[in-house]
Protein backbone atom coordinates (compact mmCIF):
# COMPACT_ATOMS: atom_id res chain seq x y z
CA MET A 1 -13.08 1.13 15.99
CA SER A 2 -15.01 4.04 14.20
CA LYS A 3 -16.35 4.11 11.12
CA PRO A 4 -13.46 4.77 8.54
CA THR A 5 -13.42 8.16 6.95
CA TYR A 6 -11.58 8.12 3.42
CA TYR A 7 -9.67 10.97 1.78
CA ALA A 8 -8.63 11.89 -1.59
CA LEU A 9 -5.25 13.66 -1.77
CA THR A 10 -4.45 15.98 -4.88
CA PRO A 11 -1.33 17.52 -5.19
CA GLN A 12 -1.02 21.43 -6.17
CA ASP A 13 2.36 20.68 -7.68
CA ALA A 14 4.43 17.40 -8.32
CA TRP A 15 5.20 15.16 -5.12
CA PHE A 16 8.56 13.71 -4.08
CA PHE A 17 9.03 10.55 -1.77
CA ARG A 18 12.30 9.44 -1.38
CA ASP A 19 12.95 5.93 -1.10
CA GLY A 20 15.71 4.42 1.77
CA ARG A 21 18.74 5.55 -0.36
CA PRO A 22 21.00 8.33 1.10
CA TYR A 23 20.31 11.68 -0.42
CA ASN A 24 23.01 14.04 0.75
CA LYS A 25 24.48 16.95 -0.74
CA GLN A 26 28.13 16.09 -2.52
CA GLU A 27 27.03 12.57 -2.84
CA SER A 28 26.74 10.97 -6.55
CA ASN A 29 23.28 9.27 -5.71
CA GLN A 30 21.79 12.95 -5.31
CA ALA A 31 21.87 12.89 -9.10
CA ASP A 32 19.32 10.14 -9.79
CA ALA A 33 16.86 10.44 -6.59
CA VAL A 34 13.47 8.66 -7.91
CA SER A 35 10.32 9.13 -5.88
CA GLN A 36 9.17 5.82 -4.30
CA PHE A 37 4.97 5.78 -5.31
CA PRO A 38 2.84 5.28 -3.71
CA PRO A 39 4.55 6.42 -0.99
CA SER A 40 5.26 4.43 2.26
CA PRO A 41 1.96 4.10 4.55
CA ARG A 42 4.05 6.01 7.37
CA THR A 43 4.77 8.84 5.21
CA ILE A 44 1.14 9.81 4.63
CA THR A 45 0.49 9.05 8.33
CA GLY A 46 2.98 11.45 9.52
CA ALA A 47 1.25 13.93 7.54
CA PHE A 48 -2.47 13.21 8.72
CA ARG A 49 -0.62 13.60 12.37
CA ALA A 50 0.89 16.92 11.85
CA ALA A 51 -2.02 18.25 10.05
CA LEU A 52 -4.53 17.38 12.75
CA ALA A 53 -2.24 18.48 15.53
CA ARG A 54 -1.81 22.06 13.66
CA ALA A 55 -5.31 22.10 13.67
CA LYS A 56 -6.00 21.65 17.31
CA GLY A 57 -3.67 24.30 18.09
CA TRP A 58 0.44 23.16 17.63
CA LYS A 59 2.37 25.29 15.85
CA LYS A 60 6.10 24.63 16.19
CA GLY A 61 8.68 22.50 18.12
CA PRO A 62 9.06 18.21 18.08
CA THR A 63 6.15 17.37 20.07
CA TRP A 64 2.76 18.26 20.51
CA ASP A 65 0.54 19.19 23.28
CA CYS A 66 0.78 15.67 25.89
CA ARG A 67 -2.80 15.60 26.27
CA LEU A 68 -3.34 14.78 22.09
CA ASN A 69 -1.02 11.84 22.66
CA PRO A 70 -4.03 9.52 23.21
CA VAL A 71 -5.48 9.83 19.92
CA LEU A 72 -2.46 11.15 18.25
CA GLY A 73 0.33 9.26 19.55
CA ASN A 74 3.84 10.14 20.78
CA GLY A 75 6.70 9.32 18.11
CA PRO A 76 6.78 6.92 15.13
CA ASP A 77 5.92 3.49 16.61
CA GLU A 78 3.22 4.63 18.49
CA LEU A 79 0.38 5.81 16.65
CA GLY A 80 -2.39 6.30 19.66
CA ALA A 81 -5.95 5.61 18.60
CA LEU A 82 -5.29 6.24 14.99
CA GLN A 83 -5.90 3.56 12.20
CA GLY A 84 -4.40 4.05 8.80
CA ILE A 85 -5.99 2.43 5.77
CA GLY A 86 -4.06 2.42 2.20
CA PRO A 87 -2.87 3.88 0.37
CA PHE A 88 -4.82 3.50 -2.75
CA LEU A 89 -5.37 5.42 -5.74
CA VAL A 90 -8.88 7.54 -6.80
CA LYS A 91 -10.00 8.04 -10.32
CA LYS A 92 -11.97 10.76 -10.64
CA ASP A 93 -15.09 10.48 -13.36
CA GLN A 94 -16.30 13.51 -13.95
CA LEU A 95 -19.08 12.88 -16.31
CA LEU A 96 -21.00 10.34 -13.73
CA LYS A 97 -19.33 12.40 -10.67
CA LYS A 98 -18.38 9.29 -9.33
CA ASP A 99 -14.73 7.83 -7.57
CA HIS A 100 -13.30 4.84 -8.79
CA LEU A 101 -11.07 3.43 -6.13
CA LEU A 102 -7.82 1.31 -7.52
CA PHE A 103 -6.02 -1.09 -6.11
CA PRO A 104 -2.38 -2.74 -7.29
CA ALA A 105 -2.98 -5.78 -9.44
CA PRO A 106 -2.60 -9.01 -7.64
CA LEU A 107 0.84 -11.00 -8.53
CA HIS A 108 -1.30 -14.36 -9.74
CA LEU A 109 -2.72 -12.34 -12.65
CA MET A 110 -1.65 -13.20 -15.82
CA GLY A 111 -1.99 -11.89 -19.12
CA LYS A 112 -0.18 -10.18 -22.52
CA MET A 113 -0.72 -7.11 -24.41
CA GLU A 114 -3.35 -7.60 -27.64
CA GLU A 115 -3.83 -4.57 -29.76
CA LYS A 116 -1.95 -2.01 -27.42
CA THR A 117 -4.02 -2.97 -24.64
CA TRP A 118 -3.03 -5.62 -21.55
CA LYS A 119 -5.67 -8.35 -21.54
CA PRO A 120 -5.95 -10.91 -18.60
CA GLN A 121 -5.90 -14.36 -19.56
CA ALA A 122 -5.21 -16.79 -16.60
CA LEU A 123 -4.81 -16.88 -13.05
CA LEU A 124 -1.99 -18.63 -11.08
CA ARG A 125 -2.30 -21.86 -8.90
CA PRO A 126 -0.22 -24.01 -7.08
CA GLY A 127 1.50 -26.92 -9.01
CA LYS A 128 0.13 -30.63 -8.62
CA LYS A 129 3.46 -31.57 -8.22
CA GLU A 130 6.11 -30.60 -5.85
CA THR A 131 9.55 -29.31 -7.27
CA LEU A 132 12.92 -29.28 -5.32
CA THR A 133 14.37 -25.94 -4.77
CA ASP A 134 16.58 -24.25 -2.30
CA LEU A 135 13.97 -23.78 -0.02
CA GLY A 136 13.11 -27.78 -0.13
CA LYS A 137 10.51 -29.37 -2.05
CA VAL A 138 7.75 -26.80 -2.73
CA ARG A 139 4.76 -26.26 -5.32
CA LEU A 140 5.56 -23.92 -7.81
CA PRO A 141 2.57 -21.89 -9.29
CA GLU A 142 1.36 -23.14 -12.34
CA VAL A 143 -1.37 -21.60 -15.30
CA ALA A 144 -4.57 -22.38 -14.55
CA LEU A 145 -5.21 -23.48 -17.80
CA ASN A 146 -5.24 -27.11 -19.65
CA ASN A 147 -3.41 -25.03 -22.47
CA PRO A 148 -2.10 -21.66 -21.97
CA PRO A 149 -0.93 -19.27 -24.62
CA ASP A 150 2.35 -18.37 -24.99
CA GLY A 151 3.88 -15.13 -23.84
CA LEU A 152 1.64 -14.88 -20.66
CA LYS A 153 3.47 -12.24 -18.00
CA PRO A 154 2.19 -11.24 -14.54
CA GLY A 155 0.28 -8.18 -14.29
CA GLU A 156 2.83 -5.49 -12.89
CA LYS A 157 2.34 -1.89 -12.73
CA LEU A 158 -1.35 -2.37 -13.07
CA TRP A 159 -4.10 -1.45 -10.87
CA ILE A 160 -7.48 -2.95 -10.63
CA ASN A 161 -11.02 -1.30 -9.65
CA ALA A 162 -13.15 -2.88 -6.67
CA ALA A 163 -15.36 -4.62 -9.46
CA GLY A 164 -11.74 -6.61 -10.86
CA TYR A 165 -11.15 -7.21 -7.34
CA ASN A 166 -13.98 -8.82 -6.69
CA ARG A 167 -13.80 -11.37 -10.03
CA ILE A 168 -10.38 -11.99 -8.53
CA LEU A 169 -10.92 -12.78 -5.08
CA ALA A 170 -13.78 -15.67 -6.57
CA GLY A 171 -11.52 -17.24 -8.53
CA ASN A 172 -12.11 -15.64 -11.70
CA LEU A 173 -10.63 -13.58 -14.44
CA PRO A 174 -11.32 -9.58 -14.09
CA GLU A 175 -12.37 -7.59 -17.20
CA ALA A 176 -9.70 -5.67 -19.55
CA THR A 177 -11.65 -2.75 -18.41
CA ASP A 178 -11.32 -3.45 -14.78
CA LEU A 179 -7.60 -2.87 -15.11
CA THR A 180 -5.04 0.56 -15.76
CA ALA A 181 -1.68 0.96 -16.23
CA SER A 182 0.31 2.89 -13.77
CA ASP A 183 1.96 5.26 -16.83
CA CYS A 184 -1.87 6.27 -16.89
CA LEU A 185 -2.40 7.23 -13.52
CA TRP A 186 1.26 9.36 -12.93
CA LYS A 187 4.29 10.38 -14.50
CA LEU A 188 7.79 10.83 -13.45
CA GLU A 189 9.10 14.10 -13.82
CA ARG A 190 12.96 14.42 -14.06
CA ARG A 191 14.07 17.84 -12.64
CA VAL A 192 17.56 19.44 -12.08
CA GLY A 193 18.58 21.98 -9.52
CA LEU A 194 21.51 23.77 -8.22
CA GLN A 195 22.02 24.79 -4.61
CA ARG A 196 23.42 28.32 -3.41
CA ASN A 197 25.36 29.06 -0.73
CA ALA A 198 22.90 31.48 1.47
CA SER A 199 25.92 33.94 2.19
CA THR A 200 27.30 34.52 -0.98
CA LEU A 201 24.48 33.22 -3.08
CA GLN A 202 27.13 31.40 -5.36
CA THR A 203 27.41 27.62 -5.52
CA GLU A 204 29.81 24.97 -4.79
CA GLU A 205 31.33 21.86 -6.07
CA GLY A 206 28.60 19.22 -5.65
CA ALA A 207 25.84 21.16 -5.52
CA LEU A 208 23.97 19.91 -8.37
CA TYR A 209 21.14 17.83 -8.02
CA SER A 210 18.32 15.81 -10.00
CA PRO A 211 15.38 14.36 -8.37
CA GLY A 212 12.42 12.57 -10.09
CA PHE A 213 9.28 13.69 -9.18
CA VAL A 214 6.03 12.21 -9.18
CA ARG A 215 2.99 14.28 -11.20
CA LEU A 216 -0.59 12.81 -11.19
CA CYS A 217 -2.55 12.57 -14.02
CA LYS A 218 -5.87 14.43 -14.41
CA ASP A 219 -8.39 13.11 -12.19
CA VAL A 220 -6.02 10.72 -10.02
CA ALA A 221 -5.44 11.30 -6.70
CA LEU A 222 -3.82 9.50 -3.80
CA GLY A 223 -6.58 7.81 -1.60
CA PHE A 224 -6.28 7.24 2.29
CA GLY A 225 -8.57 6.23 5.40
CA MET A 226 -8.15 6.77 9.06
CA ALA A 227 -10.29 5.35 11.94
CA LEU A 228 -10.40 6.07 15.53
CA GLU A 229 -10.04 3.31 18.16
CA PRO A 230 -11.90 3.87 21.21
CA VAL A 231 -10.57 6.44 23.68
CA LYS A 232 -11.69 8.17 26.78
CA GLU A 233 -10.04 11.54 26.28
CA PRO A 234 -9.20 14.24 24.77
CA ALA A 235 -12.86 14.43 25.17
CA GLY A 236 -14.92 15.23 21.81
CA PHE A 237 -11.96 14.57 19.71
CA HIS A 238 -13.07 15.13 16.14
CA VAL A 239 -11.03 14.46 13.00
CA ASP A 240 -11.17 17.63 11.26
CA MET A 241 -8.92 17.46 8.48
CA PRO A 242 -7.71 20.65 7.14
CA ALA A 243 -8.21 21.60 3.45
CA LEU A 244 -4.16 21.79 2.68
CA PHE A 245 -1.18 20.27 4.24
CA PRO A 246 2.37 19.69 3.17
CA LEU A 247 2.92 16.18 2.01
CA GLY A 248 6.41 14.65 1.06
CA GLY A 249 10.02 16.03 0.12
CA GLU A 250 10.21 20.07 0.11
CA SER A 251 6.68 20.24 1.87
CA ARG A 252 4.61 20.01 -1.43
CA MET A 253 0.95 20.62 -0.81
CA ALA A 254 -1.83 18.39 -0.91
CA LEU A 255 -5.48 19.17 -1.50
CA CYS A 256 -7.47 17.04 1.14
CA GLU A 257 -11.18 16.24 0.09
CA GLU A 258 -13.35 13.71 2.19
CA MET A 259 -14.92 11.01 -0.02
CA LYS A 260 -18.44 10.11 0.37
CA LYS A 261 -17.88 6.40 0.60
CA ASP A 262 -18.70 4.10 3.26
CA LYS A 263 -16.25 1.00 2.31
CA CYS A 264 -13.28 0.66 0.18
CA LEU A 265 -12.92 -2.71 0.44
CA PRO A 266 -14.26 -5.77 -1.92
CA PRO A 267 -16.52 -7.93 -0.07
CA THR A 268 -15.28 -11.43 1.46
CA PRO A 269 -16.09 -14.36 -1.01
CA ASP A 270 -18.20 -17.36 -0.51
CA LEU A 271 -15.52 -19.80 0.60
CA THR A 272 -16.59 -23.26 0.60
CA PRO A 273 -14.57 -26.43 2.21
CA ASP A 274 -13.20 -28.97 0.17
CA GLY A 275 -14.00 -31.97 2.05
CA ASP A 276 -12.39 -31.32 5.73
CA LEU A 277 -10.29 -28.72 4.13
CA VAL A 278 -10.76 -25.21 3.18
CA HIS A 279 -8.51 -23.51 0.61
CA PHE A 280 -7.86 -19.64 0.20
CA ILE A 281 -5.45 -16.99 -1.00
CA VAL A 282 -4.15 -14.17 1.10
CA VAL A 283 -3.82 -11.06 -0.94
CA ALA A 284 -1.73 -7.76 0.41
CA LEU A 285 -3.53 -4.63 0.09
CA THR A 286 -0.90 -3.07 1.10
CA PRO A 287 2.92 -3.85 1.65
CA VAL A 288 3.32 -6.58 4.08
CA PRO A 289 6.08 -7.22 6.81
CA ALA A 290 8.46 -9.61 5.80
CA GLN A 291 9.29 -12.18 8.37
CA LYS A 292 12.29 -13.85 9.39
CA GLU A 293 9.76 -17.10 8.83
CA ALA A 294 9.55 -18.41 5.21
CA ASN A 295 5.67 -18.53 5.14
CA ILE A 296 2.90 -15.93 5.77
CA THR A 297 1.29 -18.07 8.18
CA ALA A 298 3.26 -17.35 11.30
CA ILE A 299 1.57 -13.87 11.59
CA LEU A 300 -1.70 -14.90 10.50
CA GLY A 301 -2.41 -16.34 14.09
CA ILE A 302 -4.80 -19.34 13.08
CA ALA A 303 -4.22 -22.58 14.08
CA GLY A 304 -3.96 -25.08 11.36
CA VAL A 305 -2.88 -22.76 8.44
CA GLU A 306 -0.29 -24.13 5.96
CA PRO A 307 1.09 -22.48 3.33
CA VAL A 308 1.30 -24.02 -0.05
CA SER A 309 2.62 -21.42 -2.53
CA ALA A 310 2.95 -18.03 -3.30
CA CYS A 311 3.43 -15.36 -6.06
CA VAL A 312 5.89 -12.85 -4.34
CA GLY A 313 8.53 -10.22 -5.78
CA LYS A 314 11.41 -8.90 -4.58
CA PRO A 315 11.22 -7.03 -1.09
CA VAL A 316 11.07 -3.32 -1.00
CA PHE A 317 12.80 -1.45 2.04
CA PHE A 318 10.74 1.45 3.62
CA GLY A 319 11.98 3.42 6.37
CA GLY A 320 10.66 6.92 7.77
CA TRP A 321 11.56 9.83 9.85
CA ASP A 322 12.01 10.00 13.64
CA SER A 323 10.99 13.77 14.35
CA LEU A 324 11.33 13.25 18.07
CA LYS A 325 15.39 11.96 17.52
CA ARG A 326 15.23 13.89 14.62
CA GLU A 327 16.86 11.25 12.89
CA PRO A 328 15.69 8.30 9.83
CA LEU A 329 14.16 5.21 10.79
CA PRO A 330 16.00 1.95 10.11
CA LEU A 331 15.00 0.10 6.61
CA GLU A 332 12.62 -2.74 7.09
CA PRO A 333 11.72 -5.22 4.47
CA PHE A 334 7.96 -5.52 3.10
CA HIS A 335 6.20 -7.85 0.72
CA LEU A 336 4.87 -5.62 -2.10
CA ALA A 337 1.14 -5.02 -2.33
CA GLY A 338 -0.25 -7.15 -4.38
CA SER A 339 1.86 -10.33 -3.06
CA VAL A 340 -0.31 -13.33 -3.03
CA TRP A 341 -0.14 -16.27 -0.74
CA PHE A 342 -1.70 -19.70 -1.20
CA CYS A 343 -2.79 -21.16 2.08
CA LYS A 344 -4.96 -24.50 3.39
CA ALA A 345 -6.83 -25.07 6.85
CA PRO A 346 -9.07 -27.31 8.29
CA ALA A 347 -12.76 -26.72 7.50
CA SER A 348 -13.08 -25.73 11.33
CA ALA A 349 -11.20 -22.61 10.76
CA LEU A 350 -13.46 -21.43 7.99
CA SER A 351 -15.22 -18.53 9.98
CA ASN A 352 -11.71 -17.34 11.51
CA ILE A 353 -10.24 -17.19 8.03
CA ARG A 354 -13.14 -15.08 6.83
CA ALA A 355 -12.79 -12.87 9.70
CA LEU A 356 -8.90 -11.98 8.50
CA HIS A 357 -10.34 -10.19 5.28
CA GLY A 358 -9.79 -6.37 5.47
CA LYS A 359 -7.63 -6.84 8.71
CA TRP A 360 -4.11 -5.89 9.06
CA ILE A 361 -1.10 -8.56 10.26
CA GLY A 362 1.79 -7.52 12.12
CA GLU A 363 3.08 -5.41 14.73
CA ARG A 364 0.80 -2.73 15.92
CA ARG A 365 3.46 -0.07 15.50
CA LEU A 366 3.56 -0.90 11.68
CA THR A 367 -0.25 -1.86 11.08
CA ALA A 368 -1.58 1.20 12.69
CA HIS A 369 0.41 3.10 9.58
CA GLY A 370 -1.43 0.82 7.60
CA PHE A 371 1.23 -1.72 6.80
CA GLY A 372 -0.02 -5.29 6.55
CA GLN A 373 -4.08 -5.24 5.23
CA ILE A 374 -4.94 -8.16 3.67
CA LEU A 375 -8.16 -9.69 1.83
CA ILE A 376 -8.93 -13.43 1.52
CA GLY A 377 -10.22 -15.32 -1.63
CA ARG A 378 -10.80 -18.23 -3.40
CA TRP A 379 -7.92 -20.52 -5.28
CA PRO A 380 -8.29 -20.23 -9.04
CA MET A 381 -9.59 -23.85 -10.47
C-alpha cells in the first residue's frame, strides 16, 4: 500500500449528511431531518472518487472512463485500489501553526463534570465475577478503582487527541486537556425550506421541510486519509485532489487541503504477556461492522482469541447511494467508533495481535471505505 495522504476538509457553508431514514416529499419526517455527523466513511469516499474522476476528465453520466476502474473501482462495493482512512476531526492551532487530530473517545473511559469541565476519573475493565444475563454468564465491565467516586459516566460525545489516546491504550487515564466536547467542535443548525413548483412558482401542500445542518466551529475541519494499493494501470496515476469539491447533501462545497502528516494513528503500546496469556483491548477507531456473532473475535482472524467483556452502545445504521443503479443502498448495522472489546489470547499470538493495530477488520467492500479500523491496547489495571 502506498504512503497514506491525509486531507483536511473545511466546509464553505453548513453541511448536510442525512441518516438512513426516508426523506421524501410530503412525508412527515422531512420536518425533522438531522445530519449524521461525522458522516459515514462511504459518503466521503464517494465524494473523493467523484472528485478524482472529474480531475481525470469525467464530466457527466453514471460511469467514468473504464480505464480508471483499476484505481477508482466500479460501484459502491468495489473501490479498486483505494483505501479510505477515517473520518476524524482536525483542530487547527493558528498560533502554533499545528493541526491536532481528534478521535472519538473510547467508551470505557469514565468521568464526570467538575467546575464545568468533564474530567476523566477511571477506566473500565472486565469484572472478576460472572453475572447471569440474557447472553448467559458474562463478566460485565467494572470501574478499575477500589473506591470509585459517585456519578461516573462514560465519555460520550467527547473527542480525544493522539496524546490522550496513547495514555488510554497504555492502560492509563488521559489528561482533561486531551479531551474536547463535541459541542465545541460543531453545532446543529436548523433551517426551514419551502419548495415551489418550478412551472407555477407556487407552493403546494407538503412542501415545507426542515433539515438540520452541521456547522463546524472555527478552526475545525473534517479529516480523512487515502492510500493506494499497488496497481499496474493506468500507469502513472497520481492522486491529485482538487481544491474544492461537493460533499454531502445539496452538494455543499468542501475546501480540500493536504495535511503535512506522515502518521495519524497513536503507536502500538507495549503489550506484556501475563504468564501464558496476553490481555488486550480492541478499540474501534471507525465504525465496525456488527456481525451476527455475539463477539468481535469472529472477524479478528487470530486463533485462540477469546472475548471477555465489552463496552459497546446501540448499533448505528449506515446506508449509502448506488450511483450506477440510482437507488439507495440497504442499511447495515455498525458498532460506533469508540466501542471497546476486552480480549485474551495465548501469549504465542502476541505478534499477530500487535499487527492488528491500525488495520481494518471485516469485508473489503466495507473496509476499503474506512469502516472497521481498530487499535490495540492494554487492559486497565
